[in-house]
Amino acid sequence: MGSVGPLSGVGGSHIYGCFFSATSLNQWDVTFSPLLKPISLSLRKLAKLARILLSVVVAVVVHVVVVVVVVVVVVVVVVVVVVVVVVVVVVVVVVVVVVVVVVIITNHL
């Protein structure tokens, strides 16, 4: 943001990004400078608030992403463990049934 207030130096001043020559700005600067100071302070406060709000939003988004990733990893691990346990139980049941059938068949012979 440019300076607001009496002109310093030669050739003009920047006010809100616009260049004004010293001759065209003198009257304008004396008339409206007191009115622009509160606006300038408000804009600075608003910019500071916007930076704080942006940092809070970024922090919240990062935390949400981390939580979602952790939940997805936990769900995947739980699903893999359940699938392994079910496969082991099915294999054990099949082996026990086969052994029982073989024992019954050999006992009857």
N, C-alpha and C. Protein backbone atom coordinates (compact mmCIF):
# COMPACT_ATOMS: atom_id res chain seq x y z
N MET A 1 0.83 -1.16 0.00
CA MET A 1 0.00 0.00 0.00
C MET A 1 0.89 1.23 0.00
N GLY A 2 0.43 2.29 -0.67
CA GLY A 2 1.24 3.48 -0.75
C GLY A 2 1.09 4.34 0.47
N SER A 3 1.82 5.44 0.47
CA SER A 3 1.78 6.34 1.62
C SER A 3 0.57 7.24 1.51
N VAL A 4 0.04 7.63 2.66
CA VAL A 4 -1.07 8.58 2.70
C VAL A 4 -0.63 9.70 3.61
N GLY A 5 -0.76 10.92 3.16
CA GLY A 5 -0.34 12.05 3.99
C GLY A 5 0.39 13.05 3.14
N PRO A 6 1.05 14.00 3.77
CA PRO A 6 1.78 15.03 3.02
C PRO A 6 2.83 14.40 2.11
N LEU A 7 3.02 15.04 0.99
CA LEU A 7 3.98 14.52 0.02
C LEU A 7 5.40 14.70 0.53
N SER A 8 6.19 13.68 0.30
CA SER A 8 7.61 13.81 0.64
C SER A 8 8.40 13.48 -0.61
N GLY A 9 9.43 14.20 -0.84
CA GLY A 9 10.24 13.94 -2.01
C GLY A 9 9.73 14.72 -3.21
N VAL A 10 10.32 14.44 -4.35
CA VAL A 10 9.98 15.17 -5.56
C VAL A 10 9.32 14.22 -6.53
N GLY A 11 8.29 14.70 -7.21
CA GLY A 11 7.73 13.94 -8.31
C GLY A 11 6.40 13.29 -7.99
N GLY A 12 6.03 13.15 -6.75
CA GLY A 12 4.71 12.59 -6.48
C GLY A 12 4.73 11.51 -5.43
N SER A 13 3.60 10.82 -5.32
CA SER A 13 3.47 9.83 -4.27
C SER A 13 2.56 8.71 -4.77
N HIS A 14 2.70 7.55 -4.15
CA HIS A 14 1.81 6.44 -4.46
C HIS A 14 0.72 6.36 -3.41
N ILE A 15 -0.51 6.38 -3.85
CA ILE A 15 -1.64 6.21 -2.93
C ILE A 15 -2.50 5.09 -3.48
N TYR A 16 -2.64 4.01 -2.72
CA TYR A 16 -3.41 2.85 -3.12
C TYR A 16 -2.99 2.35 -4.50
N GLY A 17 -1.70 2.34 -4.74
CA GLY A 17 -1.18 1.77 -5.97
C GLY A 17 -1.21 2.71 -7.16
N CYS A 18 -1.71 3.94 -7.03
CA CYS A 18 -1.77 4.88 -8.15
C CYS A 18 -0.74 5.97 -7.95
N PHE A 19 -0.16 6.46 -9.03
CA PHE A 19 0.85 7.50 -8.95
C PHE A 19 0.19 8.84 -9.27
N PHE A 20 0.41 9.80 -8.38
CA PHE A 20 -0.11 11.14 -8.59
C PHE A 20 1.05 12.12 -8.57
N SER A 21 1.00 13.12 -9.45
CA SER A 21 2.05 14.13 -9.43
C SER A 21 1.83 15.05 -8.24
N ALA A 22 2.89 15.75 -7.86
CA ALA A 22 2.81 16.62 -6.68
C ALA A 22 1.79 17.72 -6.88
N THR A 23 1.69 18.25 -8.08
CA THR A 23 0.78 19.39 -8.30
C THR A 23 -0.67 18.93 -8.24
N SER A 24 -0.99 17.78 -8.81
CA SER A 24 -2.38 17.35 -8.81
C SER A 24 -2.80 16.79 -7.46
N LEU A 25 -1.85 16.40 -6.65
CA LEU A 25 -2.18 15.74 -5.39
C LEU A 25 -2.25 16.70 -4.21
N ASN A 26 -1.57 17.84 -4.29
CA ASN A 26 -1.49 18.71 -3.11
C ASN A 26 -2.86 19.03 -2.52
N GLN A 27 -3.78 19.54 -3.32
CA GLN A 27 -5.09 19.92 -2.80
C GLN A 27 -5.85 18.68 -2.33
N TRP A 28 -5.77 17.62 -3.13
CA TRP A 28 -6.48 16.38 -2.80
C TRP A 28 -5.95 15.82 -1.48
N ASP A 29 -4.63 15.84 -1.34
CA ASP A 29 -3.98 15.27 -0.17
C ASP A 29 -4.36 16.03 1.10
N VAL A 30 -4.38 17.35 1.03
CA VAL A 30 -4.72 18.15 2.20
C VAL A 30 -6.19 17.95 2.57
N THR A 31 -7.05 17.81 1.57
CA THR A 31 -8.50 17.71 1.84
C THR A 31 -8.89 16.34 2.37
N PHE A 32 -8.38 15.26 1.76
CA PHE A 32 -8.89 13.92 2.05
C PHE A 32 -7.98 13.05 2.91
N SER A 33 -6.76 13.50 3.18
CA SER A 33 -5.83 12.68 3.95
C SER A 33 -6.37 12.30 5.32
N PRO A 34 -6.97 13.22 6.09
CA PRO A 34 -7.50 12.80 7.40
C PRO A 34 -8.60 11.76 7.29
N LEU A 35 -9.34 11.79 6.18
CA LEU A 35 -10.41 10.81 6.00
C LEU A 35 -9.87 9.44 5.63
N LEU A 36 -8.69 9.39 4.99
CA LEU A 36 -8.15 8.11 4.54
C LEU A 36 -7.42 7.35 5.64
N LYS A 37 -6.94 8.05 6.67
CA LYS A 37 -6.20 7.35 7.72
C LYS A 37 -7.03 6.26 8.39
N PRO A 38 -8.30 6.53 8.81
CA PRO A 38 -9.08 5.43 9.39
C PRO A 38 -9.33 4.30 8.41
N ILE A 39 -9.54 4.64 7.12
CA ILE A 39 -9.75 3.60 6.11
C ILE A 39 -8.50 2.76 5.96
N SER A 40 -7.34 3.43 5.94
CA SER A 40 -6.07 2.72 5.80
C SER A 40 -5.85 1.78 6.99
N LEU A 41 -6.13 2.28 8.20
CA LEU A 41 -5.98 1.43 9.39
C LEU A 41 -6.97 0.27 9.35
N SER A 42 -8.20 0.54 8.90
CA SER A 42 -9.20 -0.53 8.81
C SER A 42 -8.77 -1.58 7.80
N LEU A 43 -8.21 -1.12 6.68
CA LEU A 43 -7.76 -2.08 5.67
C LEU A 43 -6.60 -2.92 6.20
N ARG A 44 -5.71 -2.29 6.96
CA ARG A 44 -4.60 -3.06 7.54
C ARG A 44 -5.12 -4.09 8.53
N LYS A 45 -6.08 -3.67 9.36
CA LYS A 45 -6.66 -4.62 10.33
C LYS A 45 -7.40 -5.73 9.60
N LEU A 46 -8.10 -5.37 8.53
CA LEU A 46 -8.81 -6.38 7.76
C LEU A 46 -7.85 -7.36 7.10
N ALA A 47 -6.74 -6.84 6.57
CA ALA A 47 -5.73 -7.72 5.96
C ALA A 47 -5.12 -8.64 7.01
N LYS A 48 -4.84 -8.11 8.21
CA LYS A 48 -4.30 -8.93 9.28
C LYS A 48 -5.29 -10.02 9.68
N LEU A 49 -6.56 -9.63 9.80
CA LEU A 49 -7.60 -10.60 10.14
C LEU A 49 -7.73 -11.66 9.05
N ALA A 50 -7.62 -11.23 7.78
CA ALA A 50 -7.70 -12.19 6.68
C ALA A 50 -6.54 -13.17 6.72
N ARG A 51 -5.33 -12.69 7.04
CA ARG A 51 -4.17 -13.60 7.16
C ARG A 51 -4.38 -14.59 8.29
N ILE A 52 -4.87 -14.11 9.43
CA ILE A 52 -5.12 -15.00 10.57
C ILE A 52 -6.18 -16.03 10.20
N LEU A 53 -7.26 -15.56 9.56
CA LEU A 53 -8.33 -16.48 9.17
C LEU A 53 -7.84 -17.51 8.18
N LEU A 54 -7.00 -17.08 7.23
CA LEU A 54 -6.45 -18.01 6.26
C LEU A 54 -5.56 -19.06 6.93
N SER A 55 -4.74 -18.63 7.89
CA SER A 55 -3.89 -19.60 8.58
C SER A 55 -4.72 -20.57 9.40
N VAL A 56 -5.81 -20.10 10.00
CA VAL A 56 -6.69 -21.01 10.75
C VAL A 56 -7.35 -22.00 9.81
N VAL A 57 -7.83 -21.53 8.65
CA VAL A 57 -8.47 -22.42 7.69
C VAL A 57 -7.48 -23.47 7.19
N VAL A 58 -6.25 -23.04 6.88
CA VAL A 58 -5.24 -23.99 6.42
C VAL A 58 -4.93 -25.02 7.51
N ALA A 59 -4.83 -24.57 8.76
CA ALA A 59 -4.56 -25.50 9.86
C ALA A 59 -5.69 -26.50 10.02
N VAL A 60 -6.93 -26.03 9.91
CA VAL A 60 -8.08 -26.94 10.05
C VAL A 60 -8.09 -27.94 8.91
N VAL A 61 -7.84 -27.48 7.69
CA VAL A 61 -7.84 -28.39 6.53
C VAL A 61 -6.74 -29.44 6.68
N VAL A 62 -5.56 -29.02 7.12
CA VAL A 62 -4.46 -29.97 7.31
C VAL A 62 -4.83 -31.00 8.37
N HIS A 63 -5.42 -30.56 9.47
CA HIS A 63 -5.82 -31.50 10.52
C HIS A 63 -6.89 -32.46 10.02
N VAL A 64 -7.85 -31.97 9.26
CA VAL A 64 -8.90 -32.84 8.74
C VAL A 64 -8.31 -33.87 7.79
N VAL A 65 -7.38 -33.45 6.94
CA VAL A 65 -6.75 -34.39 6.01
C VAL A 65 -5.97 -35.46 6.77
N VAL A 66 -5.24 -35.04 7.80
CA VAL A 66 -4.47 -36.01 8.60
C VAL A 66 -5.42 -37.00 9.28
N VAL A 67 -6.50 -36.51 9.85
CA VAL A 67 -7.46 -37.40 10.52
C VAL A 67 -8.08 -38.36 9.51
N VAL A 68 -8.44 -37.88 8.33
CA VAL A 68 -9.04 -38.76 7.31
C VAL A 68 -8.03 -39.83 6.88
N VAL A 69 -6.78 -39.45 6.68
CA VAL A 69 -5.76 -40.43 6.28
C VAL A 69 -5.57 -41.48 7.37
N VAL A 70 -5.51 -41.04 8.63
CA VAL A 70 -5.34 -42.00 9.74
C VAL A 70 -6.54 -42.94 9.82
N VAL A 71 -7.74 -42.41 9.67
CA VAL A 71 -8.95 -43.26 9.72
C VAL A 71 -8.94 -44.26 8.57
N VAL A 72 -8.57 -43.83 7.38
CA VAL A 72 -8.52 -44.75 6.23
C VAL A 72 -7.49 -45.84 6.46
N VAL A 73 -6.32 -45.48 6.98
CA VAL A 73 -5.29 -46.49 7.25
C VAL A 73 -5.77 -47.49 8.30
N VAL A 74 -6.39 -47.00 9.36
CA VAL A 74 -6.91 -47.90 10.40
C VAL A 74 -7.97 -48.83 9.84
N VAL A 75 -8.88 -48.30 9.03
CA VAL A 75 -9.94 -49.14 8.43
C VAL A 75 -9.33 -50.19 7.52
N VAL A 76 -8.34 -49.82 6.73
CA VAL A 76 -7.69 -50.80 5.84
C VAL A 76 -6.99 -51.89 6.65
N VAL A 77 -6.30 -51.50 7.70
CA VAL A 77 -5.62 -52.50 8.55
C VAL A 77 -6.64 -53.43 9.20
N VAL A 78 -7.74 -52.89 9.70
CA VAL A 78 -8.76 -53.73 10.33
C VAL A 78 -9.38 -54.68 9.32
N VAL A 79 -9.65 -54.20 8.12
CA VAL A 79 -10.23 -55.07 7.08
C VAL A 79 -9.25 -56.18 6.71
N VAL A 80 -7.98 -55.87 6.59
CA VAL A 80 -6.98 -56.90 6.25
C VAL A 80 -6.89 -57.93 7.37
N VAL A 81 -6.89 -57.48 8.61
CA VAL A 81 -6.83 -58.42 9.74
C VAL A 81 -8.07 -59.31 9.77
N VAL A 82 -9.24 -58.75 9.54
CA VAL A 82 -10.47 -59.55 9.54
C VAL A 82 -10.44 -60.57 8.41
N VAL A 83 -9.99 -60.16 7.24
CA VAL A 83 -9.92 -61.09 6.10
C VAL A 83 -8.94 -62.23 6.41
N VAL A 84 -7.79 -61.92 7.00
CA VAL A 84 -6.82 -62.95 7.34
C VAL A 84 -7.40 -63.91 8.38
N VAL A 85 -8.07 -63.37 9.39
CA VAL A 85 -8.67 -64.23 10.42
C VAL A 85 -9.74 -65.12 9.81
N VAL A 86 -10.57 -64.58 8.94
CA VAL A 86 -11.63 -65.40 8.30
C VAL A 86 -11.00 -66.48 7.44
N VAL A 87 -9.96 -66.18 6.70
CA VAL A 87 -9.31 -67.19 5.86
C VAL A 87 -8.70 -68.28 6.73
N VAL A 88 -8.05 -67.89 7.82
CA VAL A 88 -7.44 -68.88 8.71
C VAL A 88 -8.54 -69.77 9.32
N VAL A 89 -9.64 -69.19 9.75
CA VAL A 89 -10.73 -69.98 10.34
C VAL A 89 -11.32 -70.94 9.30
N VAL A 90 -11.51 -70.46 8.09
CA VAL A 90 -12.06 -71.33 7.03
C VAL A 90 -11.09 -72.47 6.74
N VAL A 91 -9.81 -72.17 6.66
CA VAL A 91 -8.83 -73.23 6.40
C VAL A 91 -8.82 -74.25 7.54
N VAL A 92 -8.87 -73.79 8.78
CA VAL A 92 -8.87 -74.71 9.93
C VAL A 92 -10.14 -75.56 9.90
N VAL A 93 -11.27 -74.96 9.62
CA VAL A 93 -12.54 -75.73 9.57
C VAL A 93 -12.48 -76.77 8.45
N VAL A 94 -11.97 -76.40 7.30
CA VAL A 94 -11.88 -77.35 6.18
C VAL A 94 -10.93 -78.49 6.55
N VAL A 95 -9.81 -78.19 7.17
CA VAL A 95 -8.86 -79.23 7.55
C VAL A 95 -9.49 -80.17 8.59
N VAL A 96 -10.19 -79.61 9.57
CA VAL A 96 -10.82 -80.43 10.60
C VAL A 96 -11.91 -81.32 9.97
N VAL A 97 -12.69 -80.77 9.08
CA VAL A 97 -13.74 -81.57 8.42
C VAL A 97 -13.11 -82.69 7.59
N VAL A 98 -12.06 -82.38 6.87
CA VAL A 98 -11.40 -83.40 6.06
C VAL A 98 -10.82 -84.49 6.96
N VAL A 99 -10.20 -84.12 8.06
CA VAL A 99 -9.62 -85.11 8.98
C VAL A 99 -10.72 -85.97 9.58
N VAL A 100 -11.82 -85.34 9.98
CA VAL A 100 -12.93 -86.11 10.57
C VAL A 100 -13.52 -87.06 9.54
N VAL A 101 -13.70 -86.61 8.32
CA VAL A 101 -14.24 -87.48 7.27
C VAL A 101 -13.27 -88.63 6.99
N VAL A 102 -11.99 -88.34 6.94
CA VAL A 102 -11.00 -89.40 6.67
C VAL A 102 -11.00 -90.40 7.83
N VAL A 103 -11.07 -89.91 9.06
CA VAL A 103 -11.09 -90.81 10.22
C VAL A 103 -12.36 -91.67 10.21
N ILE A 104 -13.48 -91.08 9.90
CA ILE A 104 -14.74 -91.85 9.86
C ILE A 104 -14.68 -92.90 8.76
N ILE A 105 -14.19 -92.54 7.61
CA ILE A 105 -14.11 -93.47 6.48
C ILE A 105 -13.12 -94.59 6.81
N THR A 106 -11.99 -94.28 7.38
CA THR A 106 -11.02 -95.33 7.70
C THR A 106 -11.51 -96.22 8.83
N ASN A 107 -12.30 -95.74 9.74
CA ASN A 107 -12.84 -96.55 10.83
C ASN A 107 -13.91 -97.52 10.33
N HIS A 108 -14.63 -97.12 9.33
CA HIS A 108 -15.68 -97.99 8.79
C HIS A 108 -15.11 -99.05 7.87
N LEU A 109 -13.93 -98.88 7.41
CA LEU A 109 -13.34 -99.87 6.52
C LEU A 109 -12.68 -100.88 7.37
